[in-house]
Amino acid sequence: MPGCSGNATACPEDGEVEVGSLQSLWLLLCTFLVVSMQLGFAMLEVGGVREAHRMTVLAKNVMDSVVTCLAFALATRFWNLTLVQDAHGAESYESLLSNWAFCATCATICSGAMAERAHMLAYLAYAAVMGCVVYPPLAEGVWGRGVFFMYDQL
């Protein structure tokens, strides 16, 4: 295998590389589908508001993605979540992207209820709290390796 430099113990087996690549591919495909859900929620929301507010709703959905991305990235760095780490403790970017997509979609679901009712800054503050305080510990407790909710104590 290229890059192993003759050290057979440090080189992964061919099957391990293929399984890891297939898992990453599957995770990225599912992430694409979750982001597509976010687009569907935006279209549903646009259909439920007055014509004068359609562009504001779409702008709010785009800003929602940006704010949750920044907040989720800060939360994963600050709390050092196992949710976005691979088995060796290194950061897994495809896992980070996948969990951010779920986080952003969770925030977007609530945006339909706030359409035409909340100011942009108030909604973006909600998205930041959702991406930094609400989603990361809950997702870590469910999908992580036992850091929150005393999972390892049960």
C-alpha atoms as a PDB file:
ATOM      1  CA  MET A   1       0.000   0.000   0.000  1.00  0.00           C
ATOM      2  CA  PRO A   2       1.465   3.416  -0.885  1.00  0.00           C
ATOM      3  CA  GLY A   3       2.634   5.449   2.085  1.00  0.00           C
ATOM      4  CA  CYS A   4       3.163   2.487   4.438  1.00  0.00           C
ATOM      5  CA  SER A   5       6.981   2.546   3.977  1.00  0.00           C
ATOM      6  CA  GLY A   6       7.397  -1.156   4.563  1.00  0.00           C
ATOM      7  CA  ASN A   7       5.931  -1.155   8.093  1.00  0.00           C
ATOM      8  CA  ALA A   8       3.260  -3.836   7.823  1.00  0.00           C
ATOM      9  CA  THR A   9       1.975  -3.354  11.376  1.00  0.00           C
ATOM     10  CA  ALA A  10       1.147   0.348  10.798  1.00  0.00           C
ATOM     11  CA  CYS A  11      -0.594  -0.263   7.477  1.00  0.00           C
ATOM     12  CA  PRO A  12      -4.325  -0.951   7.486  1.00  0.00           C
ATOM     13  CA  GLU A  13      -5.570  -4.021   5.697  1.00  0.00           C
ATOM     14  CA  ASP A  14      -7.136  -3.528   2.281  1.00  0.00           C
ATOM     15  CA  GLY A  15     -10.538  -4.552   3.631  1.00  0.00           C
ATOM     16  CA  GLU A  16     -10.330  -1.963   6.427  1.00  0.00           C
ATOM     17  CA  VAL A  17      -9.636   0.815   3.927  1.00  0.00           C
ATOM     18  CA  GLU A  18     -12.540  -0.264   1.726  1.00  0.00           C
ATOM     19  CA  VAL A  19     -14.973  -0.482   4.658  1.00  0.00           C
ATOM     20  CA  GLY A  20     -13.893   2.937   5.942  1.00  0.00           C
ATOM     21  CA  SER A  21     -14.297   4.448   2.488  1.00  0.00           C
ATOM     22  CA  LEU A  22     -17.741   2.914   2.035  1.00  0.00           C
ATOM     23  CA  GLN A  23     -18.836   4.157   5.463  1.00  0.00           C
ATOM     24  CA  SER A  24     -17.651   7.668   4.621  1.00  0.00           C
ATOM     25  CA  LEU A  25     -19.412   7.557   1.257  1.00  0.00           C
ATOM     26  CA  TRP A  26     -22.658   6.372   2.874  1.00  0.00           C
ATOM     27  CA  LEU A  27     -22.427   9.053   5.561  1.00  0.00           C
ATOM     28  CA  LEU A  28     -21.893  11.787   2.954  1.00  0.00           C
ATOM     29  CA  LEU A  29     -24.818  10.512   0.877  1.00  0.00           C
ATOM     30  CA  CYS A  30     -27.093  10.587   3.929  1.00  0.00           C
ATOM     31  CA  THR A  31     -25.789  14.080   4.769  1.00  0.00           C
ATOM     32  CA  PHE A  32     -26.798  15.227   1.296  1.00  0.00           C
ATOM     33  CA  LEU A  33     -30.300  13.860   1.904  1.00  0.00           C
ATOM     34  CA  VAL A  34     -30.565  15.660   5.260  1.00  0.00           C
ATOM     35  CA  VAL A  35     -29.478  18.958   3.676  1.00  0.00           C
ATOM     36  CA  SER A  36     -32.100  18.345   0.986  1.00  0.00           C
ATOM     37  CA  MET A  37     -34.677  18.076   3.766  1.00  0.00           C
ATOM     38  CA  GLN A  38     -33.642  21.553   4.834  1.00  0.00           C
ATOM     39  CA  LEU A  39     -34.364  22.816   1.314  1.00  0.00           C
ATOM     40  CA  GLY A  40     -37.762  21.132   1.429  1.00  0.00           C
ATOM     41  CA  PHE A  41     -38.579  22.823   4.737  1.00  0.00           C
ATOM     42  CA  ALA A  42     -37.614  26.173   3.186  1.00  0.00           C
ATOM     43  CA  MET A  43     -39.955  25.602   0.244  1.00  0.00           C
ATOM     44  CA  LEU A  44     -42.761  24.555   2.583  1.00  0.00           C
ATOM     45  CA  GLU A  45     -42.210  27.673   4.650  1.00  0.00           C
ATOM     46  CA  VAL A  46     -42.204  29.935   1.579  1.00  0.00           C
ATOM     47  CA  GLY A  47     -45.539  28.472   0.540  1.00  0.00           C
ATOM     48  CA  GLY A  48     -47.057  29.373   3.897  1.00  0.00           C
ATOM     49  CA  VAL A  49     -46.140  33.059   4.116  1.00  0.00           C
ATOM     50  CA  ARG A  50     -47.322  36.167   2.340  1.00  0.00           C
ATOM     51  CA  GLU A  51     -45.617  37.094  -0.919  1.00  0.00           C
ATOM     52  CA  ALA A  52     -43.939  40.127   0.636  1.00  0.00           C
ATOM     53  CA  HIS A  53     -42.057  37.945   3.127  1.00  0.00           C
ATOM     54  CA  ARG A  54     -40.810  35.174   0.843  1.00  0.00           C
ATOM     55  CA  MET A  55     -37.313  36.564   0.340  1.00  0.00           C
ATOM     56  CA  THR A  56     -36.960  37.213   4.062  1.00  0.00           C
ATOM     57  CA  VAL A  57     -37.887  33.601   4.820  1.00  0.00           C
ATOM     58  CA  LEU A  58     -35.336  32.289   2.322  1.00  0.00           C
ATOM     59  CA  ALA A  59     -32.645  34.626   3.665  1.00  0.00           C
ATOM     60  CA  LYS A  60     -33.485  33.452   7.181  1.00  0.00           C
ATOM     61  CA  ASN A  61     -33.009  29.831   6.122  1.00  0.00           C
ATOM     62  CA  VAL A  62     -29.622  30.554   4.572  1.00  0.00           C
ATOM     63  CA  MET A  63     -28.486  32.515   7.626  1.00  0.00           C
ATOM     64  CA  ASP A  64     -29.809  29.702   9.801  1.00  0.00           C
ATOM     65  CA  SER A  65     -27.359  27.334   8.112  1.00  0.00           C
ATOM     66  CA  VAL A  66     -24.449  29.730   8.560  1.00  0.00           C
ATOM     67  CA  VAL A  67     -25.143  30.454  12.221  1.00  0.00           C
ATOM     68  CA  THR A  68     -25.714  26.819  13.180  1.00  0.00           C
ATOM     69  CA  CYS A  69     -22.529  25.838  11.327  1.00  0.00           C
ATOM     70  CA  LEU A  70     -20.441  28.330  13.281  1.00  0.00           C
ATOM     71  CA  ALA A  71     -22.137  27.566  16.605  1.00  0.00           C
ATOM     72  CA  PHE A  72     -21.864  23.800  16.154  1.00  0.00           C
ATOM     73  CA  ALA A  73     -18.190  24.056  15.164  1.00  0.00           C
ATOM     74  CA  LEU A  74     -17.463  26.150  18.259  1.00  0.00           C
ATOM     75  CA  ALA A  75     -19.349  23.718  20.482  1.00  0.00           C
ATOM     76  CA  THR A  76     -17.488  20.689  19.140  1.00  0.00           C
ATOM     77  CA  ARG A  77     -14.153  22.428  19.662  1.00  0.00           C
ATOM     78  CA  PHE A  78     -15.028  23.687  23.152  1.00  0.00           C
ATOM     79  CA  TRP A  79     -16.545  20.455  24.486  1.00  0.00           C
ATOM     80  CA  ASN A  80     -14.255  18.093  22.531  1.00  0.00           C
ATOM     81  CA  LEU A  81     -17.203  15.899  21.600  1.00  0.00           C
ATOM     82  CA  THR A  82     -16.641  12.242  20.734  1.00  0.00           C
ATOM     83  CA  LEU A  83     -19.596  12.674  18.387  1.00  0.00           C
ATOM     84  CA  VAL A  84     -17.298  14.056  15.677  1.00  0.00           C
ATOM     85  CA  GLN A  85     -14.240  11.903  16.369  1.00  0.00           C
ATOM     86  CA  ASP A  86     -13.202   8.657  14.764  1.00  0.00           C
ATOM     87  CA  ALA A  87     -12.170   5.549  16.702  1.00  0.00           C
ATOM     88  CA  HIS A  88      -8.644   6.933  17.176  1.00  0.00           C
ATOM     89  CA  GLY A  89      -9.784  10.271  18.638  1.00  0.00           C
ATOM     90  CA  ALA A  90      -9.019  12.331  15.548  1.00  0.00           C
ATOM     91  CA  GLU A  91     -11.633  14.695  14.176  1.00  0.00           C
ATOM     92  CA  SER A  92     -13.759  13.095  11.482  1.00  0.00           C
ATOM     93  CA  TYR A  93     -14.826  15.783   9.020  1.00  0.00           C
ATOM     94  CA  GLU A  94     -17.568  13.713   7.424  1.00  0.00           C
ATOM     95  CA  SER A  95     -19.060  13.079  10.873  1.00  0.00           C
ATOM     96  CA  LEU A  96     -18.798  16.787  11.687  1.00  0.00           C
ATOM     97  CA  LEU A  97     -20.591  17.655   8.447  1.00  0.00           C
ATOM     98  CA  SER A  98     -23.279  15.038   9.019  1.00  0.00           C
ATOM     99  CA  ASN A  99     -24.012  16.151  12.570  1.00  0.00           C
ATOM    100  CA  TRP A 100     -24.031  19.794  11.532  1.00  0.00           C
ATOM    101  CA  ALA A 101     -26.598  18.951   8.844  1.00  0.00           C
ATOM    102  CA  PHE A 102     -28.855  17.359  11.464  1.00  0.00           C
ATOM    103  CA  CYS A 103     -28.335  20.333  13.776  1.00  0.00           C
ATOM    104  CA  ALA A 104     -29.208  22.845  11.053  1.00  0.00           C
ATOM    105  CA  THR A 105     -32.260  20.841  10.013  1.00  0.00           C
ATOM    106  CA  CYS A 106     -33.475  20.732  13.621  1.00  0.00           C
ATOM    107  CA  ALA A 107     -33.225  24.512  13.791  1.00  0.00           C
ATOM    108  CA  THR A 108     -34.960  24.914  10.414  1.00  0.00           C
ATOM    109  CA  ILE A 109     -37.954  22.817  11.472  1.00  0.00           C
ATOM    110  CA  CYS A 110     -38.812  25.420  14.098  1.00  0.00           C
ATOM    111  CA  SER A 111     -38.358  28.314  11.674  1.00  0.00           C
ATOM    112  CA  GLY A 112     -41.680  27.505  10.008  1.00  0.00           C
ATOM    113  CA  ALA A 113     -43.497  28.132  13.270  1.00  0.00           C
ATOM    114  CA  MET A 114     -41.727  31.484  13.634  1.00  0.00           C
ATOM    115  CA  ALA A 115     -42.269  32.650  10.046  1.00  0.00           C
ATOM    116  CA  GLU A 116     -43.540  36.251   9.996  1.00  0.00           C
ATOM    117  CA  ARG A 117     -43.564  36.246  13.810  1.00  0.00           C
ATOM    118  CA  ALA A 118     -39.933  36.722  14.863  1.00  0.00           C
ATOM    119  CA  HIS A 119     -37.305  39.276  13.925  1.00  0.00           C
ATOM    120  CA  MET A 120     -34.238  38.063  12.076  1.00  0.00           C
ATOM    121  CA  LEU A 121     -31.836  38.685  14.984  1.00  0.00           C
ATOM    122  CA  ALA A 122     -34.089  36.910  17.472  1.00  0.00           C
ATOM    123  CA  TYR A 123     -34.336  33.912  15.185  1.00  0.00           C
ATOM    124  CA  LEU A 124     -30.574  33.848  14.577  1.00  0.00           C
ATOM    125  CA  ALA A 125     -30.004  33.966  18.342  1.00  0.00           C
ATOM    126  CA  TYR A 126     -32.317  30.945  18.633  1.00  0.00           C
ATOM    127  CA  ALA A 127     -30.326  29.163  15.890  1.00  0.00           C
ATOM    128  CA  ALA A 128     -27.045  29.902  17.696  1.00  0.00           C
ATOM    129  CA  VAL A 129     -28.395  28.521  20.978  1.00  0.00           C
ATOM    130  CA  MET A 130     -29.740  25.472  19.163  1.00  0.00           C
ATOM    131  CA  GLY A 131     -26.396  24.852  17.447  1.00  0.00           C
ATOM    132  CA  CYS A 132     -24.203  25.491  20.478  1.00  0.00           C
ATOM    133  CA  VAL A 133     -26.141  24.581  23.617  1.00  0.00           C
ATOM    134  CA  VAL A 134     -29.117  22.348  22.787  1.00  0.00           C
ATOM    135  CA  TYR A 135     -28.109  19.966  19.983  1.00  0.00           C
ATOM    136  CA  PRO A 136     -24.463  19.053  20.812  1.00  0.00           C
ATOM    137  CA  PRO A 137     -24.978  17.602  24.319  1.00  0.00           C
ATOM    138  CA  LEU A 138     -28.147  15.772  23.295  1.00  0.00           C
ATOM    139  CA  ALA A 139     -26.517  14.282  20.210  1.00  0.00           C
ATOM    140  CA  GLU A 140     -23.403  13.402  22.224  1.00  0.00           C
ATOM    141  CA  GLY A 141     -25.562  11.602  24.752  1.00  0.00           C
ATOM    142  CA  VAL A 142     -27.293   9.588  22.029  1.00  0.00           C
ATOM    143  CA  TRP A 143     -24.588   8.985  19.414  1.00  0.00           C
ATOM    144  CA  GLY A 144     -21.360   9.787  21.259  1.00  0.00           C
ATOM    145  CA  ARG A 145     -19.192   7.475  23.311  1.00  0.00           C
ATOM    146  CA  GLY A 146     -20.547   8.244  26.755  1.00  0.00           C
ATOM    147  CA  VAL A 147     -19.354  11.689  27.820  1.00  0.00           C
ATOM    148  CA  PHE A 148     -22.708  13.281  28.668  1.00  0.00           C
ATOM    149  CA  PHE A 149     -25.633  11.989  30.740  1.00  0.00           C
ATOM    150  CA  MET A 150     -23.355   9.601  32.698  1.00  0.00           C
ATOM    151  CA  TYR A 151     -23.766   7.074  29.890  1.00  0.00           C
ATOM    152  CA  ASP A 152     -20.719   5.124  31.007  1.00  0.00           C
ATOM    153  CA  GLN A 153     -22.097   4.891  34.560  1.00  0.00           C
ATOM    154  CA  LEU A 154     -25.227   2.957  33.555  1.00  0.00           C
END
